[in-house]
Amino acid sequence: MALFDLKILNSALDELQEERGISRDSVIEALATALAAAYRREYGKRGQIVRATFNPETGDVEFRQAKIVVDKSLVRTEDEGIDAEGLPSEALTKDGDHRSRFNPEQHIMLEDARRIKRDAQLDEEISFPLEMREDFGRIAAQAAKQVIMQKIREAERSSIIAEYGEREGQIVTGHVQRFERGNLYIDLGRATAILPYDEQIPGERYRQGERVRALLLRVDEGVRGTFIRLSRSHPKFLTKLFEAEVPEMANGVVEVKGIVREPGSRAKIAVHSIDEHVDPVGALVGQRGVRVAVVTSELGGEKIDVVEWSENPVEFVKEALKPAQIIAINLDENENRAMVQVAEDQQSLAIGRGGQNVRLAARLTGWKIDIRSMGGENLGGSDAQTDVKPDIESEPKLELDDDGNVRDESAFGEAKTDIAGDDDEAADTGEENLDAVAQNRDIPSEEINEETDKDSSEETSEVDVDNSNVE
C-alpha cells in the first residue's frame, strides 16, 4: 500500500524544482531519509541503522537495517579486557585501547558476514529487510518533517552556490529589500545578497524597491547560510559596465590595462587596442560621448578619464595626467619617480582638486609623480601633500619711506594712494579714528540733531553774507 498520493507528491516536486531550483532526486532522497528517521524513532532499537528506499513511480517504501562488517581489530566484545572482578584490566588501561564496543544492532563480525555474502569486506554494509510499517506517531512525524526541511535547505543552499558561484565577477540586478546598520540587502530573486557599506559608492541614496545593479564579488558559505557579497565601488564593476556598452571590449579587440577609482568622484582607465585600425579611447567614449555618458550616469556622475596605454613610461605618464598639457618628463628609475614639468596655467589641471589627478595617475602608472612649474618650483606630487603651499619668498617686502612709515608697493597700496591723494587727513596713517559715524557705531540721536542744527545755521549765515554782498 502506498503511503503518499503520487499526484500531489509529483506536483510538489515540480514546484520545488521550478521555484527553488531543487532537483527531484534531492527531494526524493530527503524524503527517504525522513522516513528512515521516523521508523527508527518509532520502531527502531538503540544504535540501529535504518535505511529507507522510496519509489516515486509506485509510492512504495522499503525499510532495511544496515550493519557494518567488523573484526576484533576494530571492535572489542563486552567480556574482552575485563578481569575477574569485573573491572578493566591493566593491559587495556595501559595500552589505551581506542576500539569501539561491539553492538549487535550496528555491527556484524566478518565470519558471520561471509556466511551471508562470500566476498564481504571490512567496513562494508550488509542490509537486512525490516517489517513494513505504515502507522507513525506524532513525534515520529515531527522528526520526519524536520529532516525533510533540513535536507531541502541544504539542497537549496547547494543550488544557490552552484548558480551564483559561476557568476562571480559579473553584474547582477536586484531590488532593494531593506537597510540594516548601513548594509543594503538586495533581492536577487532566488537569493538575498548584501551590499556592505564599504562597497557602496559614497553619497548614493537608495529607496526600498529601487532597482540596483552591482558586481557579484563572491559567494560565501557559512554556518548561518549562504552570503552573496556585492560591490559598486570595485574597479572591476566599471570594467563590466564598459563591456556591456562597448562591443569592441566584449569581442576582445580593446583591452583594459589598468583602472583606478575614487568611487563617486573620479576614475581613470587605461585601454589598449590589438587592432591598429581601432581607436581604443574613441571606442570607449563613443560618438559624442554617448557610451561613457551611460556609464557615468550609472555611477552617479562619477567623472571618467579614458587614456591610451603605452609601453613607453614617458608616454603613459603623459596620457595619465590628462587633461593637463605636459611640457617635459624626466624619469628616475632608481627611485621610480617621474618629474613632470608643466606650464603655470596647467598647474591646477595637472594636480587636480586636492591632488586627485596626480594621485590617480600615480596609481595607474605605478610611478611617483612630482609636478614642477616652468621656473622649477615643486608644486605637488603623488607622495606629497596635495595642498599647494604659497612660496614665502614671493610675498611682497615692506619698505620704509623717508618719514619712517611703511611703504606699501602692492596693488592694494597703489589703489589706496590714488583714492587718498596727497591729503594727510584722507590718507590711512593707522591712527585711531575717533569719528563715531565713520566707525559705524551707534550714537545718541541728540548728538546727531545738534550737528544737524549746527550745519543748517552755518548754511544760513553764508546765505546772509551773500545777500548782503548783492545788495
Protein backbone atom coordinates (compact mmCIF):
# COMPACT_ATOMS: atom_id res chain seq x y z
CA MET A 1 0.00 0.00 0.00
CA ALA A 2 1.36 3.43 -0.96
CA LEU A 3 2.00 5.93 1.80
CA PHE A 4 1.66 9.01 -0.44
CA ASP A 5 -0.68 10.43 -3.01
CA LEU A 6 1.57 10.35 -6.08
CA LYS A 7 -0.34 13.13 -7.85
CA ILE A 8 0.17 15.60 -5.01
CA LEU A 9 3.74 14.44 -4.48
CA ASN A 10 4.73 14.91 -8.12
CA SER A 11 3.11 18.36 -8.15
CA ALA A 12 5.14 19.38 -5.08
CA LEU A 13 8.34 18.04 -6.64
CA ASP A 14 7.79 20.06 -9.82
CA GLU A 15 7.03 23.21 -7.83
CA LEU A 16 10.22 22.91 -5.76
CA GLN A 17 12.27 22.37 -8.89
CA GLU A 18 10.84 25.39 -10.71
CA GLU A 19 10.72 27.93 -7.86
CA ARG A 20 13.76 26.98 -5.78
CA GLY A 21 15.86 25.09 -8.30
CA ILE A 22 15.90 21.89 -6.21
CA SER A 23 16.09 18.73 -8.29
CA ARG A 24 13.56 15.90 -7.90
CA ASP A 25 16.27 13.44 -6.89
CA SER A 26 17.32 15.66 -3.98
CA VAL A 27 13.77 15.89 -2.65
CA ILE A 28 13.20 12.13 -3.04
CA GLU A 29 16.44 11.44 -1.19
CA ALA A 30 15.40 13.81 1.60
CA LEU A 31 12.01 12.08 1.79
CA ALA A 32 13.62 8.64 2.11
CA THR A 33 15.96 9.91 4.87
CA ALA A 34 12.99 11.38 6.74
CA LEU A 35 11.04 8.10 6.54
CA ALA A 36 14.04 6.18 7.89
CA ALA A 37 14.34 8.65 10.80
CA ALA A 38 10.63 8.27 11.59
CA TYR A 39 10.85 4.46 11.50
CA ARG A 40 13.91 4.43 13.78
CA ARG A 41 12.21 6.84 16.18
CA GLU A 42 9.00 4.78 16.36
CA TYR A 43 10.07 1.16 15.96
CA GLY A 44 13.87 1.06 15.92
CA LYS A 45 16.30 -0.05 18.61
CA ARG A 46 19.22 1.79 20.15
CA GLY A 47 22.15 2.10 17.74
CA GLN A 48 20.18 0.59 14.87
CA ILE A 49 20.95 1.85 11.36
CA VAL A 50 17.78 2.11 9.26
CA ARG A 51 17.74 2.75 5.53
CA ALA A 52 14.61 3.55 3.52
CA THR A 53 14.02 3.30 -0.23
CA PHE A 54 11.19 5.26 -1.84
CA ASN A 55 9.82 4.54 -5.31
CA PRO A 56 8.33 7.75 -6.77
CA GLU A 57 6.51 5.87 -9.53
CA THR A 58 4.57 3.45 -7.33
CA GLY A 59 4.81 5.22 -3.98
CA ASP A 60 6.10 2.10 -2.20
CA VAL A 61 8.56 2.34 0.68
CA GLU A 62 11.02 -0.36 1.75
CA PHE A 63 12.82 -0.33 5.11
CA ARG A 64 16.08 -2.19 5.72
CA GLN A 65 18.54 -2.46 8.56
CA ALA A 66 22.24 -1.92 7.77
CA LYS A 67 25.13 -3.50 9.68
CA ILE A 68 28.84 -2.74 9.29
CA VAL A 69 31.28 -5.60 8.82
CA VAL A 70 33.99 -5.55 11.56
CA ASP A 71 36.52 -7.84 13.20
CA LYS A 72 38.36 -7.89 16.54
CA SER A 73 40.86 -5.28 15.30
CA LEU A 74 38.07 -2.72 15.02
CA VAL A 75 35.78 -3.57 17.94
CA ARG A 76 36.01 -5.31 21.28
CA THR A 77 33.47 -7.59 22.83
CA GLU A 78 31.83 -6.99 26.19
CA ASP A 79 33.96 -9.61 28.00
CA GLU A 80 37.26 -8.60 26.40
CA GLY A 81 39.64 -6.69 28.70
CA ILE A 82 37.59 -7.37 31.87
CA ASP A 83 39.27 -9.07 34.84
CA ALA A 84 37.72 -11.49 37.29
CA GLU A 85 36.36 -8.68 39.46
CA GLY A 86 34.58 -7.03 36.51
CA LEU A 87 36.96 -4.09 36.25
CA PRO A 88 39.04 -3.05 33.20
CA SER A 89 42.30 -4.99 33.02
CA GLU A 90 45.71 -3.33 33.39
CA ALA A 91 46.60 -4.14 29.79
CA LEU A 92 43.53 -2.29 28.48
CA THR A 93 44.27 0.74 30.66
CA LYS A 94 47.99 0.79 29.90
CA ASP A 95 47.80 0.34 26.14
CA GLY A 96 44.99 2.87 25.75
CA ASP A 97 42.73 0.72 23.55
CA HIS A 98 40.51 3.03 21.46
CA ARG A 99 38.42 0.33 19.80
CA SER A 100 34.69 0.84 19.91
CA ARG A 101 32.42 -1.61 21.72
CA PHE A 102 30.64 -4.24 19.67
CA ASN A 103 26.93 -3.51 19.13
CA PRO A 104 24.90 -6.38 17.59
CA GLU A 105 22.35 -3.92 16.19
CA GLN A 106 25.05 -1.98 14.36
CA HIS A 107 27.96 -4.39 13.76
CA ILE A 108 28.42 -7.83 12.28
CA MET A 109 31.56 -9.92 12.55
CA LEU A 110 33.45 -10.77 9.39
CA GLU A 111 32.90 -14.52 9.82
CA ASP A 112 29.13 -14.11 10.12
CA ALA A 113 29.03 -11.66 7.21
CA ARG A 114 30.76 -14.11 4.88
CA ARG A 115 28.11 -16.70 5.63
CA ILE A 116 25.61 -14.31 4.09
CA LYS A 117 27.89 -12.81 1.41
CA ARG A 118 31.03 -14.66 0.41
CA ASP A 119 33.06 -11.63 -0.72
CA ALA A 120 32.17 -9.43 2.25
CA GLN A 121 34.92 -7.00 3.28
CA LEU A 122 35.62 -4.88 6.33
CA ASP A 123 33.64 -1.62 6.69
CA GLU A 124 31.12 -2.89 4.17
CA GLU A 125 27.40 -2.55 4.86
CA ILE A 126 25.12 -5.55 4.74
CA SER A 127 21.40 -4.85 4.83
CA PHE A 128 18.55 -6.93 6.20
CA PRO A 129 14.84 -6.36 5.46
CA LEU A 130 12.64 -4.90 8.19
CA GLU A 131 8.95 -5.27 8.80
CA MET A 132 6.82 -2.83 6.83
CA ARG A 133 5.15 -0.14 8.92
CA GLU A 134 2.59 2.45 7.86
CA ASP A 135 1.42 3.96 11.12
CA PHE A 136 3.73 6.55 12.68
CA GLY A 137 3.12 8.59 15.79
CA ARG A 138 3.09 12.35 16.11
CA ILE A 139 6.68 12.53 17.38
CA ALA A 140 7.98 10.38 14.54
CA ALA A 141 6.09 12.51 12.00
CA GLN A 142 7.55 15.68 13.51
CA ALA A 143 11.07 14.22 13.28
CA ALA A 144 10.46 13.30 9.64
CA LYS A 145 9.26 16.84 8.92
CA GLN A 146 12.39 18.37 10.45
CA VAL A 147 14.62 16.09 8.42
CA ILE A 148 12.81 16.99 5.20
CA MET A 149 13.08 20.73 5.89
CA GLN A 150 16.77 20.43 6.71
CA LYS A 151 17.52 18.43 3.58
CA ILE A 152 15.56 20.88 1.41
CA ARG A 153 17.51 23.84 2.88
CA GLU A 154 20.79 22.08 2.23
CA ALA A 155 19.74 21.28 -1.34
CA GLU A 156 18.64 24.88 -1.91
CA ARG A 157 21.92 26.19 -0.50
CA SER A 158 23.89 23.93 -2.81
CA SER A 159 21.78 25.06 -5.76
CA ILE A 160 22.37 28.75 -4.94
CA ILE A 161 26.11 28.23 -4.56
CA ALA A 162 26.24 26.37 -7.87
CA GLU A 163 24.23 29.07 -9.71
CA TYR A 164 25.74 32.26 -8.30
CA GLY A 165 29.21 30.80 -7.84
CA GLU A 166 29.55 30.63 -11.61
CA ARG A 167 28.51 34.30 -11.90
CA GLU A 168 31.24 35.72 -9.69
CA GLY A 169 32.76 38.80 -11.30
CA GLN A 170 29.61 39.56 -13.31
CA ILE A 171 26.94 42.23 -12.92
CA VAL A 172 23.68 41.20 -11.28
CA THR A 173 20.44 43.15 -10.94
CA GLY A 174 18.13 43.20 -7.96
CA HIS A 175 15.79 45.34 -5.90
CA VAL A 176 16.40 46.98 -2.55
CA GLN A 177 14.83 44.85 0.15
CA ARG A 178 15.85 46.51 3.42
CA PHE A 179 18.53 48.50 5.25
CA GLU A 180 20.36 47.25 8.30
CA ARG A 181 23.27 49.04 10.04
CA GLY A 182 24.39 50.73 6.85
CA ASN A 183 24.31 47.49 4.85
CA LEU A 184 21.95 47.13 1.92
CA TYR A 185 20.10 43.87 1.28
CA ILE A 186 19.28 43.20 -2.36
CA ASP A 187 16.65 40.72 -3.51
CA LEU A 188 18.05 38.80 -6.50
CA GLY A 189 15.00 36.57 -6.91
CA ARG A 190 16.14 33.20 -5.60
CA ALA A 191 18.51 34.61 -3.01
CA THR A 192 19.18 37.74 -0.99
CA ALA A 193 22.54 39.45 -1.45
CA ILE A 194 24.25 42.01 0.76
CA LEU A 195 25.84 45.26 -0.37
CA PRO A 196 28.11 46.30 2.55
CA TYR A 197 28.60 49.94 3.45
CA ASP A 198 32.26 49.94 2.40
CA GLU A 199 31.31 48.57 -1.04
CA GLN A 200 28.78 51.32 -1.74
CA ILE A 201 29.51 54.50 -3.68
CA PRO A 202 29.79 57.44 -1.24
CA GLY A 203 26.88 59.83 -1.50
CA GLU A 204 24.44 57.41 -3.07
CA ARG A 205 21.00 57.05 -1.50
CA TYR A 206 18.69 54.11 -2.08
CA ARG A 207 14.96 53.63 -1.63
CA GLN A 208 13.14 50.42 -0.82
CA GLY A 209 12.12 48.63 -4.00
CA GLU A 210 14.61 50.57 -6.14
CA ARG A 211 16.41 48.67 -8.90
CA VAL A 212 20.16 48.27 -8.26
CA ARG A 213 22.99 46.91 -10.41
CA ALA A 214 26.16 45.71 -8.73
CA LEU A 215 29.15 43.42 -9.19
CA LEU A 216 28.84 39.93 -7.69
CA LEU A 217 32.05 39.92 -5.69
CA ARG A 218 31.95 36.45 -4.15
CA VAL A 219 29.71 33.79 -2.60
CA ASP A 220 30.49 32.76 0.98
CA GLU A 221 29.07 29.67 2.65
CA GLY A 222 28.80 29.98 6.40
CA VAL A 223 27.12 28.25 9.31
CA ARG A 224 24.14 30.59 9.21
CA GLY A 225 23.62 30.28 5.48
CA THR A 226 24.91 31.47 2.15
CA PHE A 227 26.07 35.08 1.81
CA ILE A 228 26.31 36.73 -1.61
CA ARG A 229 28.54 39.82 -1.41
CA LEU A 230 28.03 42.64 -3.92
CA SER A 231 30.08 45.75 -4.72
CA ARG A 232 29.58 49.01 -6.59
CA SER A 233 32.93 50.57 -5.67
CA HIS A 234 35.16 47.82 -7.05
CA PRO A 235 37.22 48.80 -10.15
CA LYS A 236 36.03 45.67 -11.97
CA PHE A 237 32.46 46.99 -11.77
CA LEU A 238 33.50 49.87 -14.05
CA THR A 239 35.11 47.41 -16.46
CA LYS A 240 31.97 45.29 -16.67
CA LEU A 241 29.83 48.37 -17.31
CA PHE A 242 32.03 49.31 -20.25
CA GLU A 243 31.92 45.75 -21.59
CA ALA A 244 28.13 45.98 -21.70
CA GLU A 245 28.28 49.24 -23.68
CA VAL A 246 31.36 48.71 -25.88
CA PRO A 247 31.24 45.78 -28.34
CA GLU A 248 34.97 46.13 -29.01
CA MET A 249 35.70 45.26 -25.37
CA ALA A 250 33.30 42.30 -25.38
CA ASN A 251 34.99 40.95 -28.52
CA GLY A 252 38.46 41.35 -27.03
CA VAL A 253 39.71 43.92 -29.54
CA VAL A 254 40.09 46.59 -26.84
CA GLU A 255 41.78 45.50 -23.61
CA VAL A 256 41.81 47.19 -20.22
CA LYS A 257 45.40 47.50 -18.99
CA GLY A 258 44.71 49.32 -15.76
CA ILE A 259 41.96 51.02 -13.83
CA VAL A 260 41.89 53.11 -10.64
CA ARG A 261 38.92 54.66 -8.90
CA GLU A 262 37.93 57.00 -6.16
CA PRO A 263 34.27 55.90 -6.09
CA GLY A 264 31.76 58.65 -6.60
CA SER A 265 34.40 61.22 -7.57
CA ARG A 266 36.74 60.23 -10.40
CA ALA A 267 38.23 57.25 -12.22
CA LYS A 268 40.98 56.64 -14.76
CA ILE A 269 41.03 53.69 -17.12
CA ALA A 270 43.94 52.78 -19.44
CA VAL A 271 42.98 50.86 -22.60
CA HIS A 272 44.89 49.30 -25.48
CA SER A 273 43.77 48.05 -28.87
CA ILE A 274 45.24 44.94 -30.50
CA ASP A 275 43.92 46.20 -33.85
CA GLU A 276 45.76 49.26 -35.12
CA HIS A 277 42.66 50.35 -37.05
CA VAL A 278 40.58 50.65 -33.86
CA ASP A 279 40.97 53.68 -31.60
CA PRO A 280 40.65 52.36 -28.02
CA VAL A 281 39.83 55.73 -26.47
CA GLY A 282 37.24 56.55 -29.12
CA ALA A 283 35.66 53.11 -28.72
CA LEU A 284 35.02 53.69 -25.02
CA VAL A 285 33.96 57.32 -25.36
CA GLY A 286 31.61 56.66 -28.27
CA GLN A 287 30.05 59.08 -30.70
CA ARG A 288 29.59 62.40 -28.92
CA GLY A 289 30.45 60.67 -25.65
CA VAL A 290 27.31 58.50 -25.59
CA ARG A 291 28.94 55.34 -24.25
CA VAL A 292 30.91 56.93 -21.45
CA ALA A 293 27.87 59.04 -20.53
CA VAL A 294 25.81 55.89 -19.90
CA VAL A 295 28.49 54.53 -17.56
CA THR A 296 28.83 57.87 -15.79
CA SER A 297 25.07 58.01 -15.25
CA GLU A 298 25.10 54.52 -13.71
CA LEU A 299 27.85 55.58 -11.28
CA GLY A 300 26.00 58.69 -10.13
CA GLY A 301 28.00 61.27 -12.11
CA GLU A 302 31.47 59.90 -11.43
CA LYS A 303 33.99 61.51 -13.81
CA ILE A 304 35.85 59.02 -16.01
CA ASP A 305 39.15 59.71 -17.80
CA VAL A 306 39.86 57.27 -20.64
CA VAL A 307 43.56 57.23 -21.56
CA GLU A 308 45.55 55.15 -24.01
CA TRP A 309 48.04 52.70 -22.57
CA SER A 310 51.60 52.73 -23.85
CA GLU A 311 54.69 50.60 -23.25
CA ASN A 312 56.76 53.78 -23.10
CA PRO A 313 56.61 55.07 -19.50
CA VAL A 314 57.01 58.68 -20.60
CA GLU A 315 54.05 58.50 -22.95
CA PHE A 316 51.97 56.57 -20.42
CA VAL A 317 52.60 59.12 -17.66
CA LYS A 318 51.80 61.92 -20.10
CA GLU A 319 48.50 60.24 -21.02
CA ALA A 320 47.63 59.52 -17.40
CA LEU A 321 47.94 63.19 -16.41
CA LYS A 322 45.40 64.33 -18.97
CA PRO A 323 43.61 66.73 -19.41
CA ALA A 324 46.75 68.67 -18.39
CA GLN A 325 49.29 69.52 -21.11
CA ILE A 326 52.80 68.32 -20.25
CA ILE A 327 55.98 70.10 -21.38
CA ALA A 328 58.63 67.58 -20.35
CA ILE A 329 59.01 64.39 -18.25
CA ASN A 330 62.21 63.13 -16.61
CA LEU A 331 62.25 59.61 -15.17
CA ASP A 332 64.37 58.43 -12.26
CA GLU A 333 64.27 54.65 -12.49
CA ASN A 334 66.29 54.16 -9.31
CA GLU A 335 63.65 55.88 -7.18
CA ASN A 336 60.81 55.03 -9.57
CA ARG A 337 59.98 58.74 -9.76
CA ALA A 338 58.79 60.91 -12.63
CA MET A 339 59.48 64.69 -12.62
CA VAL A 340 56.81 66.36 -14.75
CA GLN A 341 57.19 69.94 -15.96
CA VAL A 342 54.06 71.91 -16.81
CA ALA A 343 53.18 75.48 -17.65
CA GLU A 344 51.83 77.77 -14.97
CA ASP A 345 48.32 77.77 -16.45
CA GLN A 346 48.30 73.93 -16.38
CA GLN A 347 49.21 73.60 -12.73
CA SER A 348 45.67 73.17 -11.41
CA LEU A 349 44.76 70.63 -14.10
CA ALA A 350 47.87 68.53 -13.50
CA ILE A 351 47.50 68.42 -9.74
CA GLY A 352 43.70 68.30 -9.60
CA ARG A 353 41.39 69.17 -6.78
CA GLY A 354 43.06 68.04 -3.59
CA GLY A 355 45.79 66.35 -5.64
CA GLN A 356 43.29 63.87 -7.08
CA ASN A 357 44.51 63.89 -10.68
CA VAL A 358 48.18 63.30 -9.87
CA ARG A 359 47.26 60.73 -7.22
CA LEU A 360 45.18 58.65 -9.61
CA ALA A 361 47.84 58.98 -12.33
CA ALA A 362 50.49 57.68 -9.93
CA ARG A 363 48.35 54.68 -9.00
CA LEU A 364 47.59 53.96 -12.64
CA THR A 365 51.19 54.15 -13.89
CA GLY A 366 53.00 52.86 -10.82
CA TRP A 367 55.38 55.88 -10.82
CA LYS A 368 55.80 58.52 -8.12
CA ILE A 369 54.96 61.78 -9.87
CA ASP A 370 56.27 65.27 -8.97
CA ILE A 371 54.69 68.29 -10.66
CA ARG A 372 57.01 71.25 -11.32
CA SER A 373 56.27 74.63 -12.89
CA MET A 374 58.31 76.32 -15.63
CA GLY A 375 60.51 78.04 -13.03
CA GLY A 376 61.44 74.76 -11.38
CA GLU A 377 59.06 75.24 -8.46
CA ASN A 378 57.80 71.96 -6.99
CA LEU A 379 54.04 72.39 -6.92
CA GLY A 380 52.88 68.97 -5.77
CA GLY A 381 53.32 65.25 -6.16
CA SER A 382 51.69 61.90 -5.66
CA ASP A 383 53.57 61.20 -2.42
CA ALA A 384 53.48 64.76 -1.02
CA GLN A 385 50.80 66.97 0.43
CA THR A 386 48.00 67.67 -2.01
CA ASP A 387 47.52 71.29 -0.98
CA VAL A 388 49.96 73.68 -2.65
CA LYS A 389 51.59 75.96 -0.10
CA PRO A 390 52.48 79.52 -1.09
CA ASP A 391 56.13 80.45 -1.52
CA ILE A 392 57.20 82.64 1.41
CA GLU A 393 59.97 84.35 -0.58
CA SER A 394 57.48 85.52 -3.21
CA GLU A 395 55.49 87.58 -0.69
CA PRO A 396 55.78 91.40 -1.09
CA LYS A 397 58.51 93.03 1.01
CA LEU A 398 57.74 96.06 3.17
CA GLU A 399 59.98 99.15 2.90
CA LEU A 400 60.12 102.39 4.90
CA ASP A 401 59.93 105.85 3.39
CA ASP A 402 61.86 108.98 4.49
CA ASP A 403 59.39 109.66 7.34
CA GLY A 404 59.76 106.13 8.75
CA ASN A 405 56.32 104.98 7.56
CA VAL A 406 55.72 101.64 5.89
CA ARG A 407 55.70 101.91 2.13
CA ASP A 408 53.17 99.52 0.59
CA GLU A 409 54.01 98.85 -3.06
CA SER A 410 51.31 96.26 -3.57
CA ALA A 411 48.37 96.78 -5.88
CA PHE A 412 46.11 97.46 -2.91
CA GLY A 413 48.51 100.14 -1.64
CA GLU A 414 48.63 101.90 -5.01
CA ALA A 415 44.85 101.91 -5.26
CA LYS A 416 44.63 103.28 -1.74
CA THR A 417 47.09 106.07 -2.60
CA ASP A 418 45.12 107.04 -5.69
CA ILE A 419 41.96 107.35 -3.66
CA ALA A 420 43.55 109.22 -0.75
CA GLY A 421 45.74 111.55 -2.82
CA ASP A 422 48.33 113.69 -1.03
CA ASP A 423 45.93 114.81 1.69
CA ASP A 424 47.35 113.72 5.02
CA GLU A 425 43.90 113.68 6.61
CA ALA A 426 42.47 111.31 3.93
CA ALA A 427 45.49 109.03 3.95
CA ASP A 428 45.40 105.93 6.08
CA THR A 429 48.00 106.58 8.76
CA GLY A 430 46.91 103.77 11.00
CA GLU A 431 45.84 106.14 13.80
CA GLU A 432 42.65 105.51 15.64
CA ASN A 433 39.60 107.20 14.10
CA LEU A 434 37.56 108.88 16.74
CA ASP A 435 34.61 109.67 14.47
CA ALA A 436 31.67 107.57 15.62
CA VAL A 437 29.86 107.79 12.26
CA ALA A 438 32.97 106.62 10.36
CA GLN A 439 33.30 103.67 12.71
CA ASN A 440 29.65 102.78 12.11
CA ARG A 441 28.83 102.89 15.83
CA ASP A 442 25.53 103.71 17.40
CA ILE A 443 25.45 107.30 18.71
CA PRO A 444 22.73 109.15 20.55
CA SER A 445 20.13 110.87 18.41
CA GLU A 446 20.62 114.12 20.39
CA GLU A 447 24.20 114.48 19.09
CA ILE A 448 23.01 113.92 15.53
CA ASN A 449 20.34 116.64 15.95
CA GLU A 450 22.87 119.11 17.39
CA GLU A 451 25.26 118.56 14.49
CA THR A 452 22.39 118.93 12.01
CA ASP A 453 21.24 122.22 13.60
CA LYS A 454 24.81 123.48 13.60
CA ASP A 455 25.26 122.72 9.92
CA SER A 456 21.98 124.37 8.99
CA SER A 457 22.86 127.55 10.96
CA GLU A 458 26.21 127.80 9.16
CA GLU A 459 24.50 127.48 5.79
CA THR A 460 22.03 130.24 6.77
CA SER A 461 24.83 132.58 7.78
CA GLU A 462 26.62 132.00 4.49
CA VAL A 463 23.44 132.82 2.55
CA ASP A 464 23.01 136.08 4.56
CA VAL A 465 26.54 137.09 3.74
CA ASP A 466 26.00 136.55 0.06
CA ASN A 467 22.77 138.50 0.08
CA SER A 468 24.49 141.43 1.77
CA ASN A 469 27.12 141.46 -0.94
CA VAL A 470 24.49 141.52 -3.61
CA GLU A 471 22.78 144.46 -2.02
